[in-house]
N, C-alpha and C. Protein backbone atom coordinates (compact mmCIF):
# COMPACT_ATOMS: atom_id res chain seq x y z
N MET A 1 99.58 104.48 85.16
CA MET A 1 99.63 105.44 86.27
C MET A 1 99.32 104.71 87.57
N ILE A 2 100.10 104.96 88.58
CA ILE A 2 99.92 104.35 89.89
C ILE A 2 98.80 105.04 90.66
N LYS A 3 97.97 104.25 91.32
CA LYS A 3 96.93 104.77 92.20
C LYS A 3 97.23 104.24 93.59
N LEU A 4 97.87 105.08 94.39
CA LEU A 4 98.25 104.70 95.74
C LEU A 4 97.18 105.14 96.72
N ASN A 5 96.75 104.20 97.56
CA ASN A 5 95.73 104.45 98.57
C ASN A 5 96.27 104.01 99.93
N ILE A 6 96.09 104.86 100.93
CA ILE A 6 96.50 104.54 102.29
C ILE A 6 95.22 104.38 103.11
N VAL A 7 95.09 103.22 103.76
CA VAL A 7 93.90 102.90 104.54
C VAL A 7 94.30 102.77 106.00
N LEU A 8 93.69 103.57 106.86
CA LEU A 8 93.93 103.49 108.30
C LEU A 8 92.69 102.90 108.95
N LEU A 9 92.85 101.70 109.48
CA LEU A 9 91.76 101.00 110.13
C LEU A 9 91.74 101.39 111.61
N GLU A 10 90.76 102.20 111.97
CA GLU A 10 90.55 102.65 113.35
C GLU A 10 91.76 103.35 113.96
N PRO A 11 92.29 104.39 113.30
CA PRO A 11 93.44 105.10 113.86
C PRO A 11 93.09 105.74 115.20
N GLU A 12 94.10 105.80 116.09
CA GLU A 12 93.86 106.29 117.45
C GLU A 12 94.52 107.63 117.76
N ILE A 13 95.60 107.96 117.07
CA ILE A 13 96.40 109.13 117.45
C ILE A 13 96.32 110.20 116.36
N PRO A 14 95.75 111.35 116.68
CA PRO A 14 95.54 112.37 115.66
C PRO A 14 96.83 112.87 114.99
N GLN A 15 97.92 112.97 115.77
CA GLN A 15 99.18 113.45 115.18
C GLN A 15 99.67 112.49 114.09
N ASN A 16 99.54 111.20 114.32
CA ASN A 16 99.94 110.23 113.29
C ASN A 16 99.11 110.41 112.02
N THR A 17 97.80 110.55 112.20
CA THR A 17 96.92 110.71 111.03
C THR A 17 97.24 112.01 110.30
N GLY A 18 97.54 113.06 111.03
CA GLY A 18 97.93 114.33 110.40
C GLY A 18 99.21 114.18 109.59
N ASN A 19 100.21 113.52 110.16
CA ASN A 19 101.46 113.29 109.43
C ASN A 19 101.25 112.40 108.22
N ILE A 20 100.41 111.40 108.36
CA ILE A 20 100.10 110.51 107.24
C ILE A 20 99.40 111.29 106.13
N GLY A 21 98.55 112.22 106.50
CA GLY A 21 97.91 113.09 105.51
C GLY A 21 98.94 113.87 104.70
N ARG A 22 99.97 114.36 105.36
CA ARG A 22 101.04 115.08 104.65
C ARG A 22 101.76 114.15 103.69
N THR A 23 102.03 112.92 104.13
CA THR A 23 102.67 111.93 103.25
C THR A 23 101.78 111.63 102.06
N CYS A 24 100.49 111.48 102.28
CA CYS A 24 99.56 111.23 101.18
C CYS A 24 99.59 112.37 100.17
N ASN A 25 99.63 113.61 100.65
CA ASN A 25 99.74 114.74 99.72
C ASN A 25 101.03 114.65 98.91
N ALA A 26 102.13 114.32 99.55
CA ALA A 26 103.42 114.23 98.86
C ALA A 26 103.43 113.13 97.81
N MET A 27 102.67 112.06 98.04
CA MET A 27 102.64 110.90 97.15
C MET A 27 101.52 110.98 96.13
N GLY A 28 100.61 111.93 96.29
CA GLY A 28 99.43 111.96 95.42
C GLY A 28 98.47 110.83 95.76
N ALA A 29 98.50 110.38 97.02
CA ALA A 29 97.70 109.24 97.46
C ALA A 29 96.38 109.70 98.07
N VAL A 30 95.42 108.79 98.06
CA VAL A 30 94.14 109.00 98.73
C VAL A 30 94.25 108.40 100.12
N LEU A 31 93.74 109.10 101.13
CA LEU A 31 93.71 108.62 102.50
C LEU A 31 92.30 108.13 102.80
N HIS A 32 92.20 106.88 103.26
CA HIS A 32 90.92 106.27 103.62
C HIS A 32 90.92 106.05 105.13
N LEU A 33 89.95 106.64 105.82
CA LEU A 33 89.86 106.50 107.28
C LEU A 33 88.65 105.64 107.63
N VAL A 34 88.91 104.51 108.29
CA VAL A 34 87.87 103.56 108.65
C VAL A 34 87.54 103.73 110.13
N GLU A 35 86.31 104.05 110.43
CA GLU A 35 85.85 104.28 111.80
C GLU A 35 85.75 102.97 112.57
N PRO A 36 85.75 103.07 113.90
CA PRO A 36 85.75 104.31 114.68
C PRO A 36 87.14 104.93 114.75
N LEU A 37 87.17 106.26 114.72
CA LEU A 37 88.41 107.01 114.88
C LEU A 37 88.60 107.31 116.36
N GLY A 38 89.82 107.33 116.81
CA GLY A 38 90.12 107.61 118.21
C GLY A 38 90.19 109.09 118.51
N PHE A 39 89.68 109.92 117.62
CA PHE A 39 89.75 111.37 117.75
C PHE A 39 88.73 111.99 116.81
N SER A 40 88.51 113.27 116.96
CA SER A 40 87.63 114.03 116.06
C SER A 40 88.47 114.56 114.90
N ILE A 41 87.88 114.62 113.72
CA ILE A 41 88.62 115.20 112.59
C ILE A 41 88.83 116.70 112.76
N GLU A 42 88.21 117.26 113.76
CA GLU A 42 88.41 118.67 114.09
C GLU A 42 89.54 118.85 115.10
N ASP A 43 90.14 117.75 115.53
CA ASP A 43 91.18 117.76 116.56
C ASP A 43 92.31 118.72 116.19
N LYS A 44 92.73 119.55 117.14
CA LYS A 44 93.79 120.52 116.87
C LYS A 44 95.13 119.85 116.58
N TYR A 45 95.37 118.67 117.17
CA TYR A 45 96.63 117.96 116.93
C TYR A 45 96.68 117.38 115.53
N LEU A 46 95.53 116.91 115.05
CA LEU A 46 95.43 116.43 113.67
C LEU A 46 95.74 117.58 112.72
N LYS A 47 95.10 118.69 112.93
CA LYS A 47 95.30 119.87 112.06
C LYS A 47 96.74 120.37 112.13
N ARG A 48 97.32 120.41 113.34
CA ARG A 48 98.69 120.90 113.49
C ARG A 48 99.67 119.98 112.76
N ALA A 49 99.51 118.67 112.92
CA ALA A 49 100.42 117.73 112.25
C ALA A 49 100.22 117.74 110.74
N GLY A 50 98.99 117.96 110.31
CA GLY A 50 98.70 117.98 108.87
C GLY A 50 98.99 119.32 108.23
N LEU A 51 99.22 120.33 109.07
CA LEU A 51 99.48 121.71 108.61
C LEU A 51 98.43 122.13 107.60
N ASP A 52 98.81 122.92 106.63
CA ASP A 52 97.84 123.41 105.65
C ASP A 52 97.56 122.39 104.55
N TYR A 53 98.19 121.21 104.63
CA TYR A 53 97.97 120.18 103.63
C TYR A 53 96.61 119.50 103.80
N TRP A 54 96.08 119.51 105.02
CA TRP A 54 94.87 118.75 105.29
C TRP A 54 93.71 119.20 104.42
N LYS A 55 93.58 120.50 104.17
CA LYS A 55 92.43 120.98 103.39
C LYS A 55 92.52 120.57 101.92
N GLU A 56 93.70 120.20 101.45
CA GLU A 56 93.86 119.77 100.06
C GLU A 56 93.93 118.26 99.92
N LEU A 57 93.84 117.56 101.04
CA LEU A 57 93.96 116.11 101.05
C LEU A 57 92.71 115.44 100.50
N ASN A 58 92.90 114.41 99.70
CA ASN A 58 91.79 113.59 99.22
C ASN A 58 91.57 112.51 100.27
N VAL A 59 90.58 112.73 101.14
CA VAL A 59 90.33 111.81 102.26
C VAL A 59 88.89 111.29 102.17
N LYS A 60 88.74 109.99 102.42
CA LYS A 60 87.42 109.35 102.38
C LYS A 60 87.20 108.66 103.72
N TYR A 61 85.94 108.65 104.16
CA TYR A 61 85.58 108.09 105.46
C TYR A 61 84.63 106.91 105.29
N TYR A 62 84.76 105.92 106.18
CA TYR A 62 83.93 104.71 106.12
C TYR A 62 83.48 104.36 107.53
N ARG A 63 82.27 103.84 107.65
CA ARG A 63 81.74 103.50 108.98
C ARG A 63 82.39 102.26 109.56
N ASP A 64 82.91 101.35 108.70
CA ASP A 64 83.62 100.15 109.16
C ASP A 64 84.35 99.53 107.98
N TYR A 65 85.06 98.43 108.22
CA TYR A 65 85.86 97.80 107.17
C TYR A 65 84.98 97.23 106.05
N ALA A 66 83.82 96.69 106.40
CA ALA A 66 82.90 96.17 105.39
C ALA A 66 82.46 97.29 104.45
N ASP A 67 82.20 98.46 104.98
CA ASP A 67 81.82 99.63 104.17
C ASP A 67 82.96 100.01 103.23
N PHE A 68 84.19 99.99 103.75
CA PHE A 68 85.36 100.28 102.91
C PHE A 68 85.45 99.29 101.75
N LEU A 69 85.33 97.99 102.03
CA LEU A 69 85.43 96.97 100.98
C LEU A 69 84.31 97.10 99.95
N ALA A 70 83.10 97.39 100.42
CA ALA A 70 81.96 97.55 99.50
C ALA A 70 82.17 98.71 98.54
N LYS A 71 82.80 99.77 99.01
CA LYS A 71 83.00 100.96 98.18
C LYS A 71 84.31 100.91 97.39
N ASN A 72 85.18 99.94 97.67
CA ASN A 72 86.47 99.80 96.99
C ASN A 72 86.73 98.33 96.64
N PRO A 73 85.87 97.74 95.79
CA PRO A 73 86.03 96.31 95.50
C PRO A 73 87.26 95.98 94.64
N ALA A 74 87.68 96.90 93.82
CA ALA A 74 88.83 96.66 92.92
C ALA A 74 90.12 97.08 93.60
N GLY A 75 91.23 96.69 93.01
CA GLY A 75 92.54 97.10 93.51
C GLY A 75 93.12 96.09 94.47
N GLN A 76 94.44 96.04 94.50
CA GLN A 76 95.19 95.13 95.37
C GLN A 76 95.14 95.63 96.81
N LYS A 77 94.78 94.76 97.72
CA LYS A 77 94.76 95.08 99.15
C LYS A 77 96.01 94.46 99.77
N VAL A 78 96.85 95.29 100.40
CA VAL A 78 98.09 94.85 101.04
C VAL A 78 98.01 95.24 102.50
N PHE A 79 98.28 94.26 103.39
CA PHE A 79 98.12 94.44 104.82
C PHE A 79 99.49 94.50 105.48
N LEU A 80 99.70 95.49 106.36
CA LEU A 80 100.98 95.68 107.01
C LEU A 80 100.97 95.10 108.40
N SER A 81 101.97 94.25 108.68
CA SER A 81 102.05 93.63 110.00
C SER A 81 103.46 93.13 110.27
N ARG A 82 103.88 93.26 111.51
CA ARG A 82 105.17 92.71 111.91
C ARG A 82 105.15 91.19 111.87
N LYS A 83 103.96 90.59 111.81
CA LYS A 83 103.80 89.14 111.77
C LYS A 83 103.91 88.57 110.35
N ALA A 84 103.95 89.43 109.36
CA ALA A 84 103.96 88.98 107.96
C ALA A 84 105.27 88.31 107.59
N ALA A 85 105.19 87.37 106.65
CA ALA A 85 106.38 86.68 106.16
C ALA A 85 107.04 87.44 105.00
N ASN A 86 106.25 88.20 104.24
CA ASN A 86 106.77 88.91 103.06
C ASN A 86 107.42 90.23 103.44
N ARG A 87 108.63 90.45 102.96
CA ARG A 87 109.29 91.75 103.13
C ARG A 87 108.69 92.76 102.17
N CYS A 88 108.51 93.98 102.65
CA CYS A 88 107.87 95.02 101.84
C CYS A 88 108.64 95.35 100.57
N ASP A 89 109.96 95.20 100.58
CA ASP A 89 110.77 95.55 99.41
C ASP A 89 110.87 94.40 98.41
N ARG A 90 110.35 93.24 98.74
CA ARG A 90 110.38 92.09 97.84
C ARG A 90 108.99 91.72 97.35
N PHE A 91 108.04 92.57 97.62
CA PHE A 91 106.64 92.34 97.26
C PHE A 91 106.32 93.15 96.01
N CYS A 92 105.54 92.60 95.10
CA CYS A 92 105.15 93.31 93.87
C CYS A 92 103.80 93.98 94.08
N TYR A 93 103.80 95.29 94.02
CA TYR A 93 102.58 96.07 94.21
C TYR A 93 101.94 96.36 92.86
N GLU A 94 100.63 96.21 92.80
CA GLU A 94 99.90 96.49 91.57
C GLU A 94 99.71 97.99 91.40
N ALA A 95 99.31 98.39 90.19
CA ALA A 95 99.18 99.82 89.87
C ALA A 95 98.06 100.50 90.66
N GLU A 96 97.09 99.74 91.11
CA GLU A 96 96.07 100.28 92.03
C GLU A 96 96.19 99.48 93.31
N VAL A 97 96.75 100.11 94.34
CA VAL A 97 97.05 99.40 95.58
C VAL A 97 96.49 100.15 96.78
N TYR A 98 95.98 99.37 97.73
CA TYR A 98 95.50 99.89 99.00
C TYR A 98 96.41 99.32 100.08
N LEU A 99 97.21 100.17 100.71
CA LEU A 99 98.06 99.76 101.83
C LEU A 99 97.22 99.91 103.09
N ILE A 100 96.97 98.81 103.79
CA ILE A 100 96.05 98.81 104.91
C ILE A 100 96.83 98.66 106.22
N PHE A 101 96.64 99.63 107.11
CA PHE A 101 97.35 99.71 108.38
C PHE A 101 96.35 99.62 109.53
N GLY A 102 96.74 98.96 110.60
CA GLY A 102 95.90 98.84 111.78
C GLY A 102 96.10 99.96 112.77
N LYS A 103 95.33 99.90 113.84
CA LYS A 103 95.43 100.93 114.88
C LYS A 103 96.78 100.84 115.60
N GLU A 104 97.20 101.96 116.12
CA GLU A 104 98.53 102.07 116.73
C GLU A 104 98.75 101.08 117.88
N SER A 105 97.75 100.82 118.69
CA SER A 105 97.94 100.02 119.90
C SER A 105 98.03 98.51 119.63
N VAL A 106 97.35 98.01 118.60
CA VAL A 106 97.31 96.55 118.40
C VAL A 106 97.51 96.10 116.96
N GLY A 107 97.60 97.03 116.02
CA GLY A 107 97.76 96.64 114.62
C GLY A 107 96.46 96.14 114.01
N LEU A 108 96.59 95.31 112.98
CA LEU A 108 95.42 94.77 112.29
C LEU A 108 94.88 93.55 113.03
N PRO A 109 93.56 93.31 112.93
CA PRO A 109 92.99 92.14 113.59
C PRO A 109 93.59 90.84 113.03
N GLU A 110 93.83 89.89 113.92
CA GLU A 110 94.43 88.60 113.56
C GLU A 110 93.66 87.89 112.45
N GLU A 111 92.33 87.91 112.53
CA GLU A 111 91.53 87.21 111.51
C GLU A 111 91.69 87.83 110.13
N LEU A 112 91.90 89.13 110.07
CA LEU A 112 92.14 89.80 108.79
C LEU A 112 93.49 89.38 108.21
N LEU A 113 94.50 89.28 109.06
CA LEU A 113 95.82 88.85 108.62
C LEU A 113 95.79 87.39 108.14
N LEU A 114 95.13 86.53 108.88
CA LEU A 114 95.05 85.11 108.50
C LEU A 114 94.29 84.92 107.19
N ALA A 115 93.25 85.71 106.98
CA ALA A 115 92.45 85.60 105.76
C ALA A 115 93.18 86.15 104.54
N ASN A 116 94.25 86.93 104.75
CA ASN A 116 94.97 87.58 103.65
C ASN A 116 96.47 87.33 103.75
N LYS A 117 96.85 86.15 104.20
CA LYS A 117 98.24 85.83 104.52
C LYS A 117 99.22 86.16 103.38
N ASN A 118 98.85 85.87 102.14
CA ASN A 118 99.75 86.10 101.00
C ASN A 118 99.87 87.58 100.62
N SER A 119 98.99 88.39 101.17
CA SER A 119 99.00 89.83 100.87
C SER A 119 99.47 90.66 102.05
N CYS A 120 100.13 90.02 103.00
CA CYS A 120 100.66 90.73 104.17
C CYS A 120 102.15 90.98 103.97
N VAL A 121 102.59 92.19 104.32
CA VAL A 121 104.01 92.53 104.22
C VAL A 121 104.49 93.13 105.54
N ARG A 122 105.80 93.10 105.71
CA ARG A 122 106.43 93.66 106.90
C ARG A 122 107.59 94.56 106.51
N VAL A 123 107.92 95.48 107.39
CA VAL A 123 109.11 96.30 107.26
C VAL A 123 110.19 95.62 108.10
N PRO A 124 111.36 95.30 107.52
CA PRO A 124 112.42 94.68 108.32
C PRO A 124 112.87 95.62 109.45
N MET A 125 113.10 95.02 110.62
CA MET A 125 113.59 95.78 111.78
C MET A 125 114.26 94.82 112.74
N SER A 126 114.94 95.34 113.71
CA SER A 126 115.68 94.50 114.66
C SER A 126 114.72 93.61 115.44
N ALA A 127 115.24 92.48 115.90
CA ALA A 127 114.43 91.53 116.67
C ALA A 127 113.96 92.11 117.99
N HIS A 128 114.62 93.17 118.47
CA HIS A 128 114.29 93.77 119.76
C HIS A 128 113.25 94.88 119.64
N THR A 129 112.79 95.14 118.41
CA THR A 129 111.83 96.21 118.19
C THR A 129 110.45 95.61 117.97
N ARG A 130 109.48 96.04 118.75
CA ARG A 130 108.11 95.53 118.63
C ARG A 130 107.41 96.09 117.41
N SER A 131 107.58 97.40 117.18
CA SER A 131 106.90 98.03 116.05
C SER A 131 107.52 99.39 115.77
N LEU A 132 107.18 99.92 114.62
CA LEU A 132 107.57 101.28 114.23
C LEU A 132 106.36 102.20 114.41
N ASN A 133 106.61 103.48 114.47
CA ASN A 133 105.53 104.46 114.50
C ASN A 133 104.70 104.32 113.23
N LEU A 134 103.39 104.43 113.35
CA LEU A 134 102.48 104.26 112.22
C LEU A 134 102.79 105.23 111.08
N ALA A 135 102.98 106.51 111.39
CA ALA A 135 103.26 107.49 110.34
C ALA A 135 104.56 107.17 109.61
N ASN A 136 105.58 106.70 110.36
CA ASN A 136 106.84 106.33 109.71
C ASN A 136 106.66 105.12 108.80
N THR A 137 105.89 104.15 109.26
CA THR A 137 105.65 102.95 108.46
C THR A 137 104.89 103.28 107.18
N VAL A 138 103.91 104.15 107.28
CA VAL A 138 103.18 104.58 106.08
C VAL A 138 104.14 105.24 105.09
N ALA A 139 105.04 106.08 105.58
CA ALA A 139 106.01 106.75 104.70
C ALA A 139 106.93 105.72 104.04
N ILE A 140 107.45 104.78 104.81
CA ILE A 140 108.35 103.76 104.26
C ILE A 140 107.65 102.99 103.15
N LEU A 141 106.45 102.51 103.41
CA LEU A 141 105.73 101.71 102.43
C LEU A 141 105.30 102.51 101.21
N SER A 142 104.87 103.74 101.43
CA SER A 142 104.46 104.60 100.32
C SER A 142 105.62 104.83 99.36
N TYR A 143 106.78 105.13 99.92
CA TYR A 143 107.95 105.36 99.07
C TYR A 143 108.41 104.08 98.38
N GLU A 144 108.26 102.93 99.02
CA GLU A 144 108.63 101.67 98.37
C GLU A 144 107.72 101.40 97.17
N VAL A 145 106.42 101.60 97.34
CA VAL A 145 105.49 101.42 96.21
C VAL A 145 105.86 102.37 95.08
N MET A 146 106.06 103.63 95.41
CA MET A 146 106.37 104.61 94.36
C MET A 146 107.74 104.34 93.73
N ARG A 147 108.70 103.83 94.50
CA ARG A 147 110.00 103.46 93.94
C ARG A 147 109.84 102.37 92.89
N GLN A 148 108.99 101.40 93.18
CA GLN A 148 108.77 100.31 92.23
C GLN A 148 108.14 100.82 90.93
N TYR A 149 107.50 101.96 90.97
CA TYR A 149 106.90 102.58 89.78
C TYR A 149 107.70 103.81 89.34
N ALA A 150 108.99 103.82 89.66
CA ALA A 150 109.93 104.87 89.24
C ALA A 150 109.43 106.27 89.62
N PHE A 151 108.71 106.37 90.72
CA PHE A 151 108.19 107.65 91.23
C PHE A 151 107.34 108.38 90.20
N THR A 152 106.64 107.61 89.37
CA THR A 152 105.76 108.17 88.33
C THR A 152 104.78 109.18 88.94
N GLY A 153 104.71 110.34 88.35
CA GLY A 153 103.80 111.38 88.79
C GLY A 153 104.35 112.28 89.88
N LEU A 154 105.54 111.97 90.39
CA LEU A 154 106.13 112.80 91.44
C LEU A 154 107.28 113.61 90.87
N LYS A 155 107.51 114.76 91.45
CA LYS A 155 108.65 115.59 91.05
C LYS A 155 109.92 114.93 91.58
N THR A 156 110.81 114.56 90.68
CA THR A 156 112.02 113.84 91.08
C THR A 156 113.29 114.66 90.92
N GLU A 157 113.19 115.83 90.36
CA GLU A 157 114.36 116.69 90.16
C GLU A 157 114.22 117.92 91.04
N GLY A 158 115.32 118.29 91.69
CA GLY A 158 115.33 119.51 92.50
C GLY A 158 115.85 120.68 91.70
N GLU A 159 115.62 121.84 92.21
CA GLU A 159 116.12 123.07 91.58
C GLU A 159 117.14 123.69 92.53
N VAL A 160 118.37 123.78 92.08
CA VAL A 160 119.42 124.32 92.92
C VAL A 160 119.39 125.84 92.81
N ALA A 161 119.17 126.46 93.94
CA ALA A 161 119.17 127.92 94.00
C ALA A 161 120.52 128.37 94.55
N PRO A 162 121.00 129.52 94.14
CA PRO A 162 122.29 129.98 94.68
C PRO A 162 122.17 130.27 96.18
N TRP A 163 123.26 130.03 96.91
CA TRP A 163 123.31 130.39 98.31
C TRP A 163 123.24 131.91 98.40
N PRO A 164 122.73 132.47 99.50
CA PRO A 164 122.57 133.93 99.61
C PRO A 164 123.86 134.70 99.31
N GLU A 165 125.01 134.20 99.79
CA GLU A 165 126.25 134.94 99.53
C GLU A 165 126.64 134.87 98.06
N GLU A 166 126.29 133.80 97.35
CA GLU A 166 126.57 133.71 95.91
C GLU A 166 125.70 134.69 95.14
N ALA A 167 124.44 134.82 95.59
CA ALA A 167 123.54 135.72 94.90
C ALA A 167 123.95 137.17 95.06
N SER A 168 124.58 137.52 96.19
CA SER A 168 124.96 138.90 96.42
C SER A 168 126.37 139.21 95.92
N GLY A 169 127.06 138.20 95.41
CA GLY A 169 128.40 138.40 94.87
C GLY A 169 129.49 138.34 95.92
N LEU A 170 129.19 137.89 97.13
CA LEU A 170 130.21 137.80 98.20
C LEU A 170 131.13 136.63 98.00
């Protein structure tokens, strides 16, 4: 069974964190928020972006990155950066994985990337693009991890309902 964890290191924008919370619910992932946060968890924009999913979200809070590591010593740590050499779709994710994302304005600290060079991945994009939106990047990476595990634990079949005119005999 896959254990997907999304780690936001000092997130700054409540709407991104709210959207990421929705993605975590869709993936069955745990959201880890590492302080300082650039907003209050009571923020109306966080709640609006997270809709009614936020109250059902498995979210954990940490005072800093050292606190996060102390409480989560096991599992593969994967760091997202445009500076990484490894493509996200060519990287092998372990069954217990922590996808670690930096703050929107500057990404992950350089020293963290250098210390974990072999565990850094990137999303391919045009040479003229500096970065992708954080919430979009979390979604891309989450789905890539789950794809590698054949979407285990997720509903993969849809239910086709008749169109309204078919149901009424029109």
